[in-house]
N, C-alpha and C. Protein backbone atom coordinates (compact mmCIF):
# COMPACT_ATOMS: atom_id res chain seq x y z
N UNK A 1 2.69 -8.35 16.52
CA UNK A 1 3.72 -7.74 15.72
C UNK A 1 3.27 -7.66 14.27
N UNK A 2 3.35 -6.48 13.72
CA UNK A 2 2.98 -6.25 12.33
C UNK A 2 4.25 -5.85 11.57
N UNK A 3 4.60 -6.59 10.50
CA UNK A 3 5.80 -6.22 9.75
C UNK A 3 5.59 -4.91 8.99
N UNK A 4 6.59 -4.04 9.06
CA UNK A 4 6.52 -2.72 8.42
C UNK A 4 7.56 -2.61 7.31
N UNK A 5 7.22 -1.82 6.29
CA UNK A 5 8.15 -1.57 5.19
C UNK A 5 8.01 -0.11 4.77
N UNK A 6 9.14 0.59 4.60
CA UNK A 6 9.07 2.01 4.24
C UNK A 6 8.72 2.22 2.76
N UNK A 7 7.76 3.11 2.51
CA UNK A 7 7.41 3.50 1.14
C UNK A 7 7.31 5.01 1.10
N UNK A 8 7.34 5.56 -0.10
CA UNK A 8 7.08 6.98 -0.30
C UNK A 8 5.91 7.09 -1.25
N UNK A 9 4.87 7.83 -0.85
CA UNK A 9 3.67 7.99 -1.67
C UNK A 9 3.62 9.43 -2.16
N UNK A 10 3.27 9.59 -3.44
CA UNK A 10 3.29 10.90 -4.09
C UNK A 10 1.90 11.23 -4.62
N UNK A 11 1.43 12.44 -4.30
CA UNK A 11 0.17 12.95 -4.82
C UNK A 11 0.41 14.22 -5.61
N UNK A 12 -0.66 14.93 -5.94
CA UNK A 12 -0.53 16.18 -6.70
C UNK A 12 0.08 17.31 -5.87
N UNK A 13 -0.17 17.30 -4.56
CA UNK A 13 0.25 18.41 -3.71
C UNK A 13 1.54 18.17 -2.94
N UNK A 14 1.82 16.92 -2.62
CA UNK A 14 3.01 16.64 -1.80
C UNK A 14 3.36 15.16 -1.88
N UNK A 15 4.36 14.79 -1.10
CA UNK A 15 4.78 13.40 -0.97
C UNK A 15 5.05 13.12 0.49
N UNK A 16 4.95 11.84 0.88
CA UNK A 16 5.18 11.47 2.27
C UNK A 16 5.89 10.12 2.32
N UNK A 17 6.86 10.03 3.23
CA UNK A 17 7.51 8.75 3.52
C UNK A 17 6.80 8.17 4.73
N UNK A 18 6.44 6.89 4.64
CA UNK A 18 5.64 6.28 5.69
C UNK A 18 6.03 4.80 5.84
N UNK A 19 6.02 4.32 7.08
CA UNK A 19 6.21 2.89 7.33
C UNK A 19 4.86 2.21 7.21
N UNK A 20 4.68 1.41 6.18
CA UNK A 20 3.40 0.75 5.93
C UNK A 20 3.44 -0.69 6.43
N UNK A 21 2.33 -1.14 6.99
CA UNK A 21 2.21 -2.53 7.41
C UNK A 21 2.00 -3.40 6.18
N UNK A 22 2.72 -4.51 6.11
CA UNK A 22 2.56 -5.44 5.00
C UNK A 22 1.38 -6.36 5.35
N UNK A 23 0.30 -6.25 4.56
CA UNK A 23 -0.93 -6.98 4.84
C UNK A 23 -1.19 -7.98 3.70
N UNK A 24 -0.87 -9.24 3.94
CA UNK A 24 -1.02 -10.26 2.90
C UNK A 24 -2.49 -10.63 2.64
N UNK A 25 -3.41 -10.10 3.43
CA UNK A 25 -4.84 -10.32 3.18
C UNK A 25 -5.45 -9.19 2.37
N UNK A 26 -4.74 -8.08 2.22
CA UNK A 26 -5.21 -6.93 1.44
C UNK A 26 -4.76 -7.13 0.00
N UNK A 27 -5.71 -7.29 -0.92
CA UNK A 27 -5.39 -7.60 -2.31
C UNK A 27 -5.13 -6.37 -3.16
N UNK A 28 -5.25 -5.18 -2.60
CA UNK A 28 -4.98 -3.96 -3.35
C UNK A 28 -3.49 -3.63 -3.34
N UNK A 29 -3.19 -2.37 -3.71
CA UNK A 29 -1.79 -1.94 -3.74
C UNK A 29 -1.41 -1.23 -2.44
N UNK A 30 -2.06 -0.09 -2.18
CA UNK A 30 -1.75 0.68 -0.97
C UNK A 30 -3.05 1.18 -0.35
N UNK A 31 -3.10 1.17 0.96
CA UNK A 31 -4.21 1.73 1.73
C UNK A 31 -3.62 2.79 2.64
N UNK A 32 -4.14 4.01 2.57
CA UNK A 32 -3.59 5.12 3.35
C UNK A 32 -4.63 5.70 4.30
N UNK A 33 -4.18 6.22 5.44
CA UNK A 33 -5.09 6.97 6.29
C UNK A 33 -5.66 8.16 5.52
N UNK A 34 -6.94 8.44 5.70
CA UNK A 34 -7.60 9.53 4.98
C UNK A 34 -6.90 10.86 5.22
N UNK A 35 -6.40 11.07 6.43
CA UNK A 35 -5.71 12.34 6.74
C UNK A 35 -4.46 12.52 5.88
N UNK A 36 -3.74 11.44 5.62
CA UNK A 36 -2.54 11.50 4.78
C UNK A 36 -2.94 11.77 3.33
N UNK A 37 -4.00 11.11 2.87
CA UNK A 37 -4.46 11.26 1.49
C UNK A 37 -4.86 12.70 1.19
N UNK A 38 -5.49 13.36 2.14
CA UNK A 38 -5.90 14.75 1.96
C UNK A 38 -4.67 15.63 1.76
N UNK A 39 -3.64 15.43 2.57
CA UNK A 39 -2.40 16.20 2.46
C UNK A 39 -1.73 16.00 1.11
N UNK A 40 -1.81 14.78 0.57
CA UNK A 40 -1.15 14.45 -0.69
C UNK A 40 -1.86 15.03 -1.91
N UNK A 41 -3.16 15.26 -1.81
CA UNK A 41 -3.92 15.74 -2.96
C UNK A 41 -4.13 14.65 -4.00
N UNK A 42 -4.60 13.50 -3.56
CA UNK A 42 -4.83 12.37 -4.46
C UNK A 42 -6.04 12.62 -5.36
N UNK A 43 -6.03 12.02 -6.54
CA UNK A 43 -7.10 12.19 -7.53
C UNK A 43 -8.06 11.00 -7.47
N UNK A 44 -9.36 11.27 -7.35
CA UNK A 44 -10.37 10.22 -7.32
C UNK A 44 -10.46 9.55 -8.69
N UNK A 45 -10.38 8.20 -8.71
CA UNK A 45 -10.46 7.42 -9.95
C UNK A 45 -11.81 6.73 -10.11
N UNK A 46 -12.45 6.37 -9.00
CA UNK A 46 -13.71 5.63 -9.08
C UNK A 46 -13.91 4.80 -7.83
N UNK A 47 -14.70 3.73 -7.96
CA UNK A 47 -14.98 2.85 -6.84
C UNK A 47 -14.70 1.40 -7.22
N UNK A 48 -14.42 0.59 -6.20
CA UNK A 48 -14.21 -0.84 -6.40
C UNK A 48 -14.71 -1.57 -5.16
N UNK A 49 -15.23 -2.78 -5.36
CA UNK A 49 -15.70 -3.57 -4.23
C UNK A 49 -14.52 -4.34 -3.62
N UNK A 50 -14.43 -4.29 -2.29
CA UNK A 50 -13.39 -5.01 -1.56
C UNK A 50 -14.02 -5.95 -0.56
N UNK A 51 -13.38 -7.10 -0.36
CA UNK A 51 -13.80 -8.03 0.67
C UNK A 51 -12.84 -7.91 1.84
N UNK A 52 -13.40 -7.71 3.03
CA UNK A 52 -12.60 -7.54 4.24
C UNK A 52 -12.36 -8.89 4.92
N UNK A 53 -11.43 -8.89 5.86
CA UNK A 53 -11.04 -10.12 6.56
C UNK A 53 -12.23 -10.78 7.24
N UNK A 54 -13.21 -9.98 7.66
CA UNK A 54 -14.38 -10.55 8.34
C UNK A 54 -15.45 -11.04 7.36
N UNK A 55 -15.17 -10.97 6.05
CA UNK A 55 -16.08 -11.49 5.04
C UNK A 55 -17.03 -10.47 4.45
N UNK A 56 -17.17 -9.31 5.04
CA UNK A 56 -18.09 -8.31 4.49
C UNK A 56 -17.49 -7.71 3.22
N UNK A 57 -18.38 -7.29 2.33
CA UNK A 57 -17.97 -6.67 1.07
C UNK A 57 -18.51 -5.26 1.04
N UNK A 58 -17.66 -4.32 0.67
CA UNK A 58 -18.07 -2.92 0.61
C UNK A 58 -17.42 -2.22 -0.57
N UNK A 59 -18.11 -1.22 -1.08
CA UNK A 59 -17.54 -0.38 -2.13
C UNK A 59 -16.66 0.67 -1.46
N UNK A 60 -15.46 0.85 -2.00
CA UNK A 60 -14.54 1.87 -1.50
C UNK A 60 -14.09 2.73 -2.67
N UNK A 61 -13.78 3.98 -2.36
CA UNK A 61 -13.25 4.88 -3.38
C UNK A 61 -11.79 4.56 -3.65
N UNK A 62 -11.40 4.65 -4.93
CA UNK A 62 -10.01 4.46 -5.34
C UNK A 62 -9.44 5.80 -5.78
N UNK A 63 -8.22 6.06 -5.37
CA UNK A 63 -7.54 7.29 -5.72
C UNK A 63 -6.25 6.97 -6.46
N UNK A 64 -5.85 7.86 -7.37
CA UNK A 64 -4.60 7.69 -8.11
C UNK A 64 -3.48 8.39 -7.38
N UNK A 65 -2.34 7.75 -7.36
CA UNK A 65 -1.14 8.33 -6.79
C UNK A 65 0.05 7.58 -7.35
N UNK A 66 1.21 7.83 -6.78
CA UNK A 66 2.41 7.11 -7.16
C UNK A 66 3.12 6.65 -5.90
N UNK A 67 3.89 5.58 -6.04
CA UNK A 67 4.66 5.06 -4.91
C UNK A 67 6.10 4.86 -5.35
N UNK A 68 7.01 5.08 -4.42
CA UNK A 68 8.40 4.69 -4.63
C UNK A 68 8.63 3.50 -3.72
N UNK A 69 8.90 2.37 -4.35
CA UNK A 69 9.12 1.11 -3.65
C UNK A 69 10.36 0.46 -4.23
N UNK A 70 11.32 0.16 -3.39
CA UNK A 70 12.58 -0.45 -3.82
C UNK A 70 13.27 0.41 -4.88
N UNK A 71 13.18 1.73 -4.72
CA UNK A 71 13.86 2.65 -5.62
C UNK A 71 13.16 2.91 -6.94
N UNK A 72 12.01 2.29 -7.16
CA UNK A 72 11.27 2.47 -8.41
C UNK A 72 9.97 3.24 -8.15
N UNK A 73 9.70 4.23 -9.01
CA UNK A 73 8.47 5.01 -8.90
C UNK A 73 7.46 4.48 -9.91
N UNK A 74 6.22 4.24 -9.44
CA UNK A 74 5.19 3.74 -10.35
C UNK A 74 3.82 4.23 -9.92
N UNK A 75 2.88 4.35 -10.89
CA UNK A 75 1.51 4.75 -10.56
C UNK A 75 0.79 3.61 -9.84
N UNK A 76 -0.07 3.97 -8.89
CA UNK A 76 -0.82 2.98 -8.12
C UNK A 76 -2.24 3.46 -7.86
N UNK A 77 -3.08 2.51 -7.43
CA UNK A 77 -4.42 2.80 -6.93
C UNK A 77 -4.34 2.76 -5.41
N UNK A 78 -4.98 3.73 -4.77
CA UNK A 78 -4.92 3.86 -3.32
C UNK A 78 -6.33 3.84 -2.75
N UNK A 79 -6.53 3.03 -1.72
CA UNK A 79 -7.78 2.98 -0.96
C UNK A 79 -7.53 3.73 0.35
N UNK A 80 -8.57 4.35 0.88
CA UNK A 80 -8.42 5.10 2.13
C UNK A 80 -8.96 4.32 3.32
N UNK A 81 -8.42 4.64 4.49
CA UNK A 81 -8.87 4.03 5.74
C UNK A 81 -9.00 5.10 6.81
N UNK A 82 -9.84 4.85 7.79
CA UNK A 82 -9.95 5.75 8.94
C UNK A 82 -8.88 5.42 9.98
N UNK A 83 -8.19 4.30 9.80
CA UNK A 83 -7.10 3.90 10.69
C UNK A 83 -5.91 4.84 10.50
N UNK A 84 -4.99 4.82 11.44
CA UNK A 84 -3.76 5.60 11.32
C UNK A 84 -2.64 4.82 10.64
N UNK A 85 -2.90 3.54 10.30
CA UNK A 85 -1.86 2.67 9.75
C UNK A 85 -2.00 2.51 8.24
N UNK A 86 -0.96 2.84 7.50
CA UNK A 86 -0.92 2.59 6.06
C UNK A 86 -0.64 1.10 5.83
N UNK A 87 -1.14 0.58 4.70
CA UNK A 87 -0.95 -0.83 4.36
C UNK A 87 -0.36 -0.97 2.96
N UNK A 88 0.46 -2.00 2.80
CA UNK A 88 0.92 -2.44 1.49
C UNK A 88 0.19 -3.76 1.22
N UNK A 89 -0.43 -3.88 0.04
CA UNK A 89 -1.16 -5.09 -0.28
C UNK A 89 -0.44 -5.99 -1.27
N UNK A 90 -1.04 -7.13 -1.54
CA UNK A 90 -0.41 -8.14 -2.38
C UNK A 90 -0.28 -7.73 -3.84
N UNK A 91 -1.17 -6.86 -4.34
CA UNK A 91 -1.06 -6.43 -5.74
C UNK A 91 0.24 -5.66 -5.96
N UNK A 92 0.65 -4.87 -4.98
CA UNK A 92 1.90 -4.11 -5.10
C UNK A 92 3.12 -5.03 -5.04
N UNK A 93 2.98 -6.17 -4.38
CA UNK A 93 4.11 -7.09 -4.19
C UNK A 93 4.02 -8.31 -5.10
N UNK A 94 3.20 -8.26 -6.14
CA UNK A 94 2.93 -9.43 -6.97
C UNK A 94 4.19 -10.06 -7.57
N UNK A 95 5.19 -9.25 -7.89
CA UNK A 95 6.41 -9.79 -8.50
C UNK A 95 7.58 -9.78 -7.51
N UNK A 96 7.27 -9.92 -6.23
CA UNK A 96 8.29 -9.79 -5.18
C UNK A 96 8.34 -11.01 -4.26
N UNK A 97 9.44 -11.08 -3.52
CA UNK A 97 9.58 -12.03 -2.43
C UNK A 97 9.55 -11.23 -1.14
N UNK A 98 8.78 -11.71 -0.17
CA UNK A 98 8.55 -10.98 1.08
C UNK A 98 9.04 -11.83 2.24
N UNK A 99 9.91 -11.26 3.08
CA UNK A 99 10.38 -11.94 4.28
C UNK A 99 10.23 -11.01 5.48
N UNK A 100 10.14 -11.61 6.67
CA UNK A 100 9.97 -10.83 7.89
C UNK A 100 11.06 -11.20 8.89
N UNK A 101 11.66 -10.19 9.52
CA UNK A 101 12.56 -10.39 10.65
C UNK A 101 11.70 -10.18 11.90
N UNK A 102 11.26 -11.25 12.51
CA UNK A 102 10.34 -11.15 13.64
C UNK A 102 11.00 -10.52 14.86
N UNK A 103 12.32 -10.54 14.95
CA UNK A 103 12.98 -9.93 16.10
C UNK A 103 12.91 -8.41 16.05
N UNK A 104 12.82 -7.83 14.83
CA UNK A 104 12.76 -6.38 14.70
C UNK A 104 11.41 -5.88 14.20
N UNK A 105 10.62 -6.79 13.61
CA UNK A 105 9.34 -6.38 13.04
C UNK A 105 9.48 -5.74 11.68
N UNK A 106 10.66 -5.79 11.08
CA UNK A 106 10.89 -5.19 9.77
C UNK A 106 10.67 -6.22 8.67
N UNK A 107 10.09 -5.76 7.60
CA UNK A 107 9.87 -6.60 6.43
C UNK A 107 10.94 -6.31 5.39
N UNK A 108 11.24 -7.30 4.57
CA UNK A 108 12.14 -7.12 3.45
C UNK A 108 11.39 -7.57 2.20
N UNK A 109 11.36 -6.70 1.21
CA UNK A 109 10.67 -7.00 -0.04
C UNK A 109 11.69 -6.81 -1.16
N UNK A 110 11.86 -7.84 -1.96
CA UNK A 110 12.78 -7.77 -3.10
C UNK A 110 12.08 -8.30 -4.34
N UNK A 111 12.47 -7.78 -5.49
CA UNK A 111 11.91 -8.28 -6.75
C UNK A 111 12.34 -9.73 -6.93
N UNK A 112 11.41 -10.56 -7.32
CA UNK A 112 11.71 -11.97 -7.57
C UNK A 112 12.53 -12.10 -8.84
N UNK A 113 13.38 -13.10 -8.87
CA UNK A 113 14.15 -13.37 -10.09
C UNK A 113 13.19 -13.83 -11.18
N UNK A 114 13.41 -13.34 -12.38
CA UNK A 114 12.55 -13.74 -13.50
C UNK A 114 13.26 -14.80 -14.32
N UNK A 115 12.48 -15.69 -14.87
CA UNK A 115 13.06 -16.74 -15.71
C UNK A 115 12.98 -16.29 -17.16
N UNK A 116 14.02 -16.56 -17.93
CA UNK A 116 14.03 -16.11 -19.35
C UNK A 116 13.01 -16.84 -20.19
């Protein structure tokens, strides 16, 4: 069971609503299937090295886009995957609390309370 959370990703050409898997091992913001990224018209920003769960390190291209998460729109960096599953990473959830309903497989992400 993989917990899913709905996000909307925006590129230069279009936008898409997608159920993304919440991946607490992915330290980036969002990872999208390459086919979705092409439709969105994302802008290439550069490259960054990522470490995968199996320990290998590889350079991946980063693309600029925007995400709507919890009703807020913000610019993000997007990595592409050949998989069909979009991912939400820990950088996107850095100021959030994350819970999972294992009976439904749905994730809940809320902004953490800030201390004055």
